[in-house]
C-alpha atoms as a PDB file:
ATOM      1  CA  UNK A   1       9.483 260.181 189.533  1.00  0.00           C
ATOM      2  CA  UNK A   2      12.576 259.232 192.012  1.00  0.00           C
ATOM      3  CA  UNK A   3      13.428 255.156 192.656  1.00  0.00           C
ATOM      4  CA  UNK A   4      16.185 254.587 195.002  1.00  0.00           C
ATOM      5  CA  UNK A   5      18.093 250.762 194.104  1.00  0.00           C
ATOM      6  CA  UNK A   6      19.296 249.179 197.597  1.00  0.00           C
ATOM      7  CA  UNK A   7      22.875 248.741 197.758  1.00  0.00           C
ATOM      8  CA  UNK A   8      22.256 244.806 198.604  1.00  0.00           C
ATOM      9  CA  UNK A   9      20.895 244.771 194.370  1.00  0.00           C
ATOM     10  CA  UNK A  10      24.396 246.155 193.090  1.00  0.00           C
ATOM     11  CA  UNK A  11      24.512 242.918 191.394  1.00  0.00           C
ATOM     12  CA  UNK A  12      21.786 244.321 189.121  1.00  0.00           C
ATOM     13  CA  UNK A  13      24.793 246.341 187.898  1.00  0.00           C
ATOM     14  CA  UNK A  14      26.529 243.551 186.681  1.00  0.00           C
ATOM     15  CA  UNK A  15      23.170 242.464 185.238  1.00  0.00           C
ATOM     16  CA  UNK A  16      23.912 243.324 181.302  1.00  0.00           C
ATOM     17  CA  UNK A  17      27.913 242.170 181.737  1.00  0.00           C
ATOM     18  CA  UNK A  18      26.476 238.405 182.469  1.00  0.00           C
ATOM     19  CA  UNK A  19      23.933 238.359 180.326  1.00  0.00           C
ATOM     20  CA  UNK A  20      25.860 239.038 177.200  1.00  0.00           C
ATOM     21  CA  UNK A  21      28.236 237.244 178.570  1.00  0.00           C
ATOM     22  CA  UNK A  22      26.497 234.174 178.671  1.00  0.00           C
ATOM     23  CA  UNK A  23      25.316 234.212 174.545  1.00  0.00           C
ATOM     24  CA  UNK A  24      27.896 233.078 171.665  1.00  0.00           C
ATOM     25  CA  UNK A  25      28.464 234.949 168.843  1.00  0.00           C
ATOM     26  CA  UNK A  26      27.334 234.105 166.101  1.00  0.00           C
ATOM     27  CA  UNK A  27      28.207 235.015 162.184  1.00  0.00           C
ATOM     28  CA  UNK A  28      31.691 235.951 161.122  1.00  0.00           C
ATOM     29  CA  UNK A  29      33.255 236.736 164.933  1.00  0.00           C
ATOM     30  CA  UNK A  30      35.957 239.521 164.237  1.00  0.00           C
ATOM     31  CA  UNK A  31      38.226 239.193 167.330  1.00  0.00           C
ATOM     32  CA  UNK A  32      40.179 236.778 168.974  1.00  0.00           C
ATOM     33  CA  UNK A  33      39.116 234.560 171.493  1.00  0.00           C
ATOM     34  CA  UNK A  34      40.286 234.927 174.854  1.00  0.00           C
ATOM     35  CA  UNK A  35      40.678 231.775 176.560  1.00  0.00           C
ATOM     36  CA  UNK A  36      40.075 232.128 180.543  1.00  0.00           C
ATOM     37  CA  UNK A  37      43.689 230.745 180.797  1.00  0.00           C
ATOM     38  CA  UNK A  38      45.518 233.387 178.835  1.00  0.00           C
ATOM     39  CA  UNK A  39      44.034 236.148 180.563  1.00  0.00           C
ATOM     40  CA  UNK A  40      47.073 238.320 182.386  1.00  0.00           C
ATOM     41  CA  UNK A  41      47.028 239.540 185.755  1.00  0.00           C
ATOM     42  CA  UNK A  42      45.697 243.407 184.647  1.00  0.00           C
ATOM     43  CA  UNK A  43      42.756 241.432 182.868  1.00  0.00           C
ATOM     44  CA  UNK A  44      42.494 239.242 185.889  1.00  0.00           C
ATOM     45  CA  UNK A  45      43.235 242.367 188.521  1.00  0.00           C
ATOM     46  CA  UNK A  46      39.228 243.593 186.750  1.00  0.00           C
ATOM     47  CA  UNK A  47      36.810 243.402 190.239  1.00  0.00           C
ATOM     48  CA  UNK A  48      33.750 242.166 187.295  1.00  0.00           C
ATOM     49  CA  UNK A  49      36.134 239.716 185.774  1.00  0.00           C
ATOM     50  CA  UNK A  50      37.605 237.885 188.850  1.00  0.00           C
ATOM     51  CA  UNK A  51      33.469 237.763 189.760  1.00  0.00           C
ATOM     52  CA  UNK A  52      32.644 236.279 186.486  1.00  0.00           C
ATOM     53  CA  UNK A  53      35.538 233.540 186.304  1.00  0.00           C
ATOM     54  CA  UNK A  54      34.785 232.892 190.106  1.00  0.00           C
ATOM     55  CA  UNK A  55      30.999 232.578 189.016  1.00  0.00           C
ATOM     56  CA  UNK A  56      31.888 230.195 186.041  1.00  0.00           C
ATOM     57  CA  UNK A  57      30.855 232.778 183.105  1.00  0.00           C
ATOM     58  CA  UNK A  58      33.876 233.136 181.579  1.00  0.00           C
ATOM     59  CA  UNK A  59      32.656 233.112 177.336  1.00  0.00           C
ATOM     60  CA  UNK A  60      36.122 233.190 174.853  1.00  0.00           C
ATOM     61  CA  UNK A  61      34.278 235.085 172.611  1.00  0.00           C
ATOM     62  CA  UNK A  62      31.475 237.087 174.727  1.00  0.00           C
ATOM     63  CA  UNK A  63      31.112 240.619 175.817  1.00  0.00           C
ATOM     64  CA  UNK A  64      33.617 240.566 178.263  1.00  0.00           C
ATOM     65  CA  UNK A  65      36.271 238.890 176.561  1.00  0.00           C
ATOM     66  CA  UNK A  66      36.029 242.574 173.974  1.00  0.00           C
ATOM     67  CA  UNK A  67      36.283 244.613 176.497  1.00  0.00           C
ATOM     68  CA  UNK A  68      39.609 243.343 178.046  1.00  0.00           C
ATOM     69  CA  UNK A  69      41.135 244.730 174.585  1.00  0.00           C
ATOM     70  CA  UNK A  70      41.765 247.222 177.244  1.00  0.00           C
ATOM     71  CA  UNK A  71      41.334 245.678 181.298  1.00  0.00           C
ATOM     72  CA  UNK A  72      40.618 248.887 182.466  1.00  0.00           C
ATOM     73  CA  UNK A  73      37.386 250.086 180.294  1.00  0.00           C
ATOM     74  CA  UNK A  74      34.572 247.635 182.118  1.00  0.00           C
ATOM     75  CA  UNK A  75      35.597 249.121 185.186  1.00  0.00           C
ATOM     76  CA  UNK A  76      34.995 252.656 183.636  1.00  0.00           C
ATOM     77  CA  UNK A  77      30.991 251.048 182.124  1.00  0.00           C
ATOM     78  CA  UNK A  78      30.393 249.925 185.773  1.00  0.00           C
ATOM     79  CA  UNK A  79      31.097 253.315 187.115  1.00  0.00           C
ATOM     80  CA  UNK A  80      29.371 254.541 185.036  1.00  0.00           C
ATOM     81  CA  UNK A  81      26.136 252.727 186.025  1.00  0.00           C
ATOM     82  CA  UNK A  82      26.588 252.751 189.321  1.00  0.00           C
ATOM     83  CA  UNK A  83      26.735 256.281 188.672  1.00  0.00           C
ATOM     84  CA  UNK A  84      23.138 257.189 186.957  1.00  0.00           C
ATOM     85  CA  UNK A  85      21.496 253.586 187.897  1.00  0.00           C
ATOM     86  CA  UNK A  86      22.619 252.739 191.332  1.00  0.00           C
ATOM     87  CA  UNK A  87      23.197 256.460 192.906  1.00  0.00           C
ATOM     88  CA  UNK A  88      24.142 256.445 196.782  1.00  0.00           C
ATOM     89  CA  UNK A  89      22.486 257.191 200.289  1.00  0.00           C
ATOM     90  CA  UNK A  90      23.165 260.467 199.958  1.00  0.00           C
ATOM     91  CA  UNK A  91      22.532 260.997 195.699  1.00  0.00           C
ATOM     92  CA  UNK A  92      20.062 258.283 194.649  1.00  0.00           C
ATOM     93  CA  UNK A  93      19.911 257.403 191.138  1.00  0.00           C
ATOM     94  CA  UNK A  94      16.968 259.449 189.608  1.00  0.00           C
ATOM     95  CA  UNK A  95      14.878 257.768 187.529  1.00  0.00           C
ATOM     96  CA  UNK A  96      12.501 255.121 187.618  1.00  0.00           C
ATOM     97  CA  UNK A  97      13.318 251.641 186.959  1.00  0.00           C
ATOM     98  CA  UNK A  98      10.855 251.275 184.403  1.00  0.00           C
ATOM     99  CA  UNK A  99      12.250 254.545 182.044  1.00  0.00           C
ATOM    100  CA  UNK A 100      15.919 253.616 182.562  1.00  0.00           C
ATOM    101  CA  UNK A 101      14.856 250.065 181.218  1.00  0.00           C
ATOM    102  CA  UNK A 102      12.245 252.118 178.253  1.00  0.00           C
ATOM    103  CA  UNK A 103      15.342 254.397 177.164  1.00  0.00           C
ATOM    104  CA  UNK A 104      17.408 250.624 176.940  1.00  0.00           C
ATOM    105  CA  UNK A 105      15.322 248.622 174.851  1.00  0.00           C
ATOM    106  CA  UNK A 106      15.041 252.083 172.622  1.00  0.00           C
ATOM    107  CA  UNK A 107      18.516 252.136 172.245  1.00  0.00           C
ATOM    108  CA  UNK A 108      18.615 248.318 171.248  1.00  0.00           C
ATOM    109  CA  UNK A 109      15.947 248.488 169.208  1.00  0.00           C
ATOM    110  CA  UNK A 110      17.265 251.186 167.125  1.00  0.00           C
ATOM    111  CA  UNK A 111      20.246 248.896 166.684  1.00  0.00           C
ATOM    112  CA  UNK A 112      19.318 246.283 166.036  1.00  0.00           C
ATOM    113  CA  UNK A 113      20.203 244.120 168.900  1.00  0.00           C
ATOM    114  CA  UNK A 114      19.419 241.107 169.915  1.00  0.00           C
ATOM    115  CA  UNK A 115      21.873 240.138 172.611  1.00  0.00           C
ATOM    116  CA  UNK A 116      20.372 243.761 174.955  1.00  0.00           C
ATOM    117  CA  UNK A 117      17.152 242.798 173.334  1.00  0.00           C
ATOM    118  CA  UNK A 118      16.247 239.551 174.584  1.00  0.00           C
ATOM    119  CA  UNK A 119      18.855 240.136 177.764  1.00  0.00           C
ATOM    120  CA  UNK A 120      16.582 242.933 179.112  1.00  0.00           C
ATOM    121  CA  UNK A 121      13.005 242.085 178.490  1.00  0.00           C
ATOM    122  CA  UNK A 122      12.267 239.819 181.369  1.00  0.00           C
ATOM    123  CA  UNK A 123      14.340 243.608 183.129  1.00  0.00           C
ATOM    124  CA  UNK A 124      11.698 245.272 181.224  1.00  0.00           C
ATOM    125  CA  UNK A 125       8.836 243.671 182.054  1.00  0.00           C
ATOM    126  CA  UNK A 126       9.889 243.859 186.249  1.00  0.00           C
ATOM    127  CA  UNK A 127      10.591 247.281 185.814  1.00  0.00           C
ATOM    128  CA  UNK A 128       6.723 247.242 184.948  1.00  0.00           C
ATOM    129  CA  UNK A 129       6.676 247.814 180.684  1.00  0.00           C
ATOM    130  CA  UNK A 130       3.955 246.264 178.998  1.00  0.00           C
ATOM    131  CA  UNK A 131       5.196 243.368 177.034  1.00  0.00           C
ATOM    132  CA  UNK A 132       2.532 245.314 174.208  1.00  0.00           C
ATOM    133  CA  UNK A 133       5.344 247.571 174.218  1.00  0.00           C
ATOM    134  CA  UNK A 134       8.053 244.952 174.354  1.00  0.00           C
ATOM    135  CA  UNK A 135       6.772 244.149 171.741  1.00  0.00           C
ATOM    136  CA  UNK A 136       5.851 247.080 169.322  1.00  0.00           C
ATOM    137  CA  UNK A 137      10.027 248.406 170.199  1.00  0.00           C
ATOM    138  CA  UNK A 138      10.711 244.837 169.326  1.00  0.00           C
ATOM    139  CA  UNK A 139       9.716 245.258 165.804  1.00  0.00           C
ATOM    140  CA  UNK A 140      10.113 248.594 164.725  1.00  0.00           C
ATOM    141  CA  UNK A 141       6.806 250.020 165.986  1.00  0.00           C
ATOM    142  CA  UNK A 142       5.735 253.484 168.696  1.00  0.00           C
ATOM    143  CA  UNK A 143       4.353 251.329 171.492  1.00  0.00           C
ATOM    144  CA  UNK A 144       0.453 252.749 172.552  1.00  0.00           C
ATOM    145  CA  UNK A 145      -0.134 251.817 175.617  1.00  0.00           C
ATOM    146  CA  UNK A 146       3.031 254.580 176.898  1.00  0.00           C
ATOM    147  CA  UNK A 147       2.373 256.572 180.314  1.00  0.00           C
ATOM    148  CA  UNK A 148       2.495 259.840 179.251  1.00  0.00           C
ATOM    149  CA  UNK A 149       5.772 260.350 181.196  1.00  0.00           C
ATOM    150  CA  UNK A 150       7.240 257.499 179.455  1.00  0.00           C
ATOM    151  CA  UNK A 151       5.849 258.858 176.119  1.00  0.00           C
ATOM    152  CA  UNK A 152       7.950 261.834 176.530  1.00  0.00           C
ATOM    153  CA  UNK A 153      11.019 259.732 177.015  1.00  0.00           C
ATOM    154  CA  UNK A 154      10.007 257.659 174.187  1.00  0.00           C
ATOM    155  CA  UNK A 155       9.803 260.553 171.568  1.00  0.00           C
ATOM    156  CA  UNK A 156      13.182 261.950 173.230  1.00  0.00           C
ATOM    157  CA  UNK A 157      14.839 259.270 173.198  1.00  0.00           C
ATOM    158  CA  UNK A 158      13.500 258.106 169.595  1.00  0.00           C
ATOM    159  CA  UNK A 159      13.875 261.254 168.035  1.00  0.00           C
ATOM    160  CA  UNK A 160      17.496 260.997 169.578  1.00  0.00           C
ATOM    161  CA  UNK A 161      18.600 257.713 168.390  1.00  0.00           C
ATOM    162  CA  UNK A 162      17.285 258.730 164.790  1.00  0.00           C
ATOM    163  CA  UNK A 163      18.571 262.406 164.066  1.00  0.00           C
ATOM    164  CA  UNK A 164      20.851 262.815 166.151  1.00  0.00           C
ATOM    165  CA  UNK A 165      19.219 265.898 167.629  1.00  0.00           C
ATOM    166  CA  UNK A 166      16.041 266.671 169.327  1.00  0.00           C
ATOM    167  CA  UNK A 167      13.928 269.713 168.570  1.00  0.00           C
ATOM    168  CA  UNK A 168      12.546 272.721 171.921  1.00  0.00           C
ATOM    169  CA  UNK A 169       9.193 271.002 171.942  1.00  0.00           C
ATOM    170  CA  UNK A 170      10.466 267.318 172.182  1.00  0.00           C
ATOM    171  CA  UNK A 171      13.513 268.618 174.516  1.00  0.00           C
ATOM    172  CA  UNK A 172      10.974 271.123 176.320  1.00  0.00           C
ATOM    173  CA  UNK A 173       8.169 268.352 176.875  1.00  0.00           C
ATOM    174  CA  UNK A 174      10.553 266.492 178.392  1.00  0.00           C
ATOM    175  CA  UNK A 175      11.486 268.415 180.654  1.00  0.00           C
ATOM    176  CA  UNK A 176       7.433 268.585 181.948  1.00  0.00           C
ATOM    177  CA  UNK A 177       9.248 264.978 183.326  1.00  0.00           C
ATOM    178  CA  UNK A 178      12.135 265.126 184.382  1.00  0.00           C
ATOM    179  CA  UNK A 179      14.634 267.617 185.720  1.00  0.00           C
ATOM    180  CA  UNK A 180      17.612 268.770 184.450  1.00  0.00           C
ATOM    181  CA  UNK A 181      19.812 266.464 186.429  1.00  0.00           C
ATOM    182  CA  UNK A 182      17.287 262.887 185.362  1.00  0.00           C
ATOM    183  CA  UNK A 183      17.588 264.763 181.532  1.00  0.00           C
ATOM    184  CA  UNK A 184      21.167 263.899 181.354  1.00  0.00           C
ATOM    185  CA  UNK A 185      21.686 260.824 183.387  1.00  0.00           C
ATOM    186  CA  UNK A 186      18.741 259.598 180.919  1.00  0.00           C
ATOM    187  CA  UNK A 187      21.100 260.663 178.255  1.00  0.00           C
ATOM    188  CA  UNK A 188      24.456 259.197 180.246  1.00  0.00           C
ATOM    189  CA  UNK A 189      22.539 255.488 179.891  1.00  0.00           C
ATOM    190  CA  UNK A 190      21.123 256.292 176.377  1.00  0.00           C
ATOM    191  CA  UNK A 191      25.205 256.528 175.770  1.00  0.00           C
ATOM    192  CA  UNK A 192      26.489 254.243 177.681  1.00  0.00           C
ATOM    193  CA  UNK A 193      24.263 251.727 176.046  1.00  0.00           C
ATOM    194  CA  UNK A 194      24.955 252.454 172.875  1.00  0.00           C
ATOM    195  CA  UNK A 195      28.494 252.212 173.482  1.00  0.00           C
ATOM    196  CA  UNK A 196      27.686 248.482 174.239  1.00  0.00           C
ATOM    197  CA  UNK A 197      25.638 247.963 171.322  1.00  0.00           C
ATOM    198  CA  UNK A 198      28.355 249.682 168.849  1.00  0.00           C
ATOM    199  CA  UNK A 199      31.342 247.684 170.320  1.00  0.00           C
ATOM    200  CA  UNK A 200      28.689 243.605 170.043  1.00  0.00           C
ATOM    201  CA  UNK A 201      27.694 244.423 166.328  1.00  0.00           C
ATOM    202  CA  UNK A 202      30.649 245.335 164.970  1.00  0.00           C
ATOM    203  CA  UNK A 203      32.300 242.225 166.732  1.00  0.00           C
ATOM    204  CA  UNK A 204      29.762 239.878 166.363  1.00  0.00           C
ATOM    205  CA  UNK A 205      27.707 239.287 169.180  1.00  0.00           C
ATOM    206  CA  UNK A 206      24.011 239.271 167.869  1.00  0.00           C
ATOM    207  CA  UNK A 207      22.416 237.161 169.262  1.00  0.00           C
ATOM    208  CA  UNK A 208      21.748 233.966 171.368  1.00  0.00           C
END
């Protein structure tokens, strides 16, 4: 299954950054706040940060501010997202939206990150995942209404997240639906969002 994301939807790449920026960190904050007035030239030079500032969405304790400990990190994350979630005319995205959102929600559920679970709920429904599937994932249960392709992705992703490895049967079942490029892209999406929730969980950005 292949879905091409139109280039006019490039803003969708920033969905996670926008959502995460809009949430306030709660509980113990382990990183100091970065006020927009104190941003360095290198930090302001990031296109993603410039867009956030222009839109008036800056959160000194948010995800954008957290990433600015390394000014190039956000752009690096967005580059990965462009590659596996947007693609180009010559090299289109390989995974359908529902599988992408299922992978993201799997990561959010495994890491118990409310920001990602809440922030991606609407886009997951828009991509075709049922509310029953999302409720099951958010409760830590296995969804019962997945398509065969979605079930293969769920079993693969869940095993990889929990056991840090997959057995041959689980891999081969996924390979019945996805080719090798798609499997690599799926793992890359999960890895990208795992990096994000690790940062948020350590920083204390866990709810809104």
